[in-house]
Amino acid sequence: MKAKKLILAPGFLCLTLIVLSGAVTAQTLKNPLPSLREQAKIEQEWLRIRLDTVLPGLLRENNVQMWIIPMREYAEDPVFSSLVSPTTFAARRRTIYVFHDRGDRGIERLALGGSSQGGLYTAYRDTTLESDAELWGAEQWKLLTKVVRERDPKSIAVNVSHTFAFSDGLTAGEWEQLKESLGPVYVPRVVRAERLPLDYISIRLPEMLPTYKAMMQVVHEIIATAFSSKVITPGRTTTQDVVWWMRQQTHDLGFGTWFQPSVSLQRKGVDLSRETNPVIQRGDLLHCDFGITAMRLNTDTQHMGYVLKPGESDAPEGLKAALSRSNRLQDILIQNMKLGLTGNEILRQTLAQMQGEGITGTVYSHPIGQHGHGAGPLIGLWDRQMGVPGRGDIPLIPNTWYSIELQATTPVPEWENQSVRMAQEEDVHITATGEVKWILSRQTELHLVR
């Protein structure tokens, strides 16, 4: 057994790989992020900025004077994680968050149940109401009745939507009790401001970018190592071996993930569509889908690799050209991502330009950030290339992040003109002025297993 140290990127990863018979069996890694305590401080500041600067504008854009978000433990609203401190993992018993626009006096933030979230909310209590409650938790509804009557809002937003899961967090049981709490005077003032939670969740802060870029560096380095001879021994290593190597690295680094990684391959003259765990051979084209989670942020990346055959020092020109066509489709999509256009409009323009340039492909890009498949307009689905009604009909807004996810299919001369699918995914951020920038970089060359 021989230990070998590999420095992957200055300031990011330092790995000690234990190599036995050519396979990686153990490692010690250094996470580039600060301690959990420091992470929590950073996340708390992000929360403060979002509540202070993002939420007020959204309330007014949606003509909402009061936003009421009731939830119970283990039945949290999708917006919950965007509203609470990093040390809050679930609603406590019942928590009702109330946001009240007081005009020139700013937005009042009340927590009926739960904590003040590090001083960002007023933890609102009235002990005189608790003794009158006949049912557990009923005192909070009585307290809400008092809060609403005292403030007399002209409009009250609740999270109910037939279209957007992120805007549909009000459960049936909470809605029934909320209506009773509001009574006949205020129930008619309830509105469904679906864009309010949707946009609040989707908007990212510039302050988040350094952390996200560090996470993307980790992702790129793990993929580069997975698609190398440090992990893959042609003729012996299976796709699931690589999958679980990637999953283990994620765990060992201290990151989470929001989906199981996947590794698949294409082979000249062979249909592998029914194979679930093929052995990787020389000459194979590899594909992975991989993401990590940290600090309530999620990444999503797809890269391609090639296993060199004896005597080869590079991938065949046809495969490299196919990757370039996928890169061109990325360019086309990004050129069409203009603020104010809906996801479906962006999709239609992209596909028309793609077809005009003779590229065969599909586009299925999505927002990312607080969630892997995040809040915001979809730009296609793999099986909905005519557009996505509802979820694709809202406009692109600034300060959001996207996974540019797509594929281009190209005949490869070296493979007897067999069609090869180059599927790529890379994360971008949309600036305040609408410029679309890669978070880190995109793949323009195939990873090579030597």
Foldseek 3Di string as FASTA:
>chain_A
DDWDWDDQDPLAWTKIFDDDPLATDDIAIAHSDDDPVVLLVLLLVQLLCLVQPVQVVLCVVLVHFKEKAKDAWPLHALLVVSNAGPVDDTFHGMWIWMWGQPDPVGIAIEIDGDDCRVVVHHDDDDVVQVVVDPDPPVSSLLVVLVVCVVRVTQAYEAQCDPFDSNSRSQDPVNVVSNDVSPDPVCVVRYDHSSVSSLVSFFFADPSCLVVVLSQVSVVVSLVLCLQASSHADAPPAKFVSSQVVSCVVLVSNPWAADDRKGKDWDAQPDDCVVPDIDGHHAQIKMKMWDWTDDSLFIFIKMAIAHEHDPPDPAHDPLVLVQLVLVVVLLVLLQVLQFFPAFLLRSLVSSVVVCVVVVWDKAWWKAWGTSHRRGRAATNDHRPGSNGDPRSRHGGDAANGKMKRWMWTWFQGVVSVRDIDIGTIIFMWHQHNNGRTGGSHDGDSGHNYYD
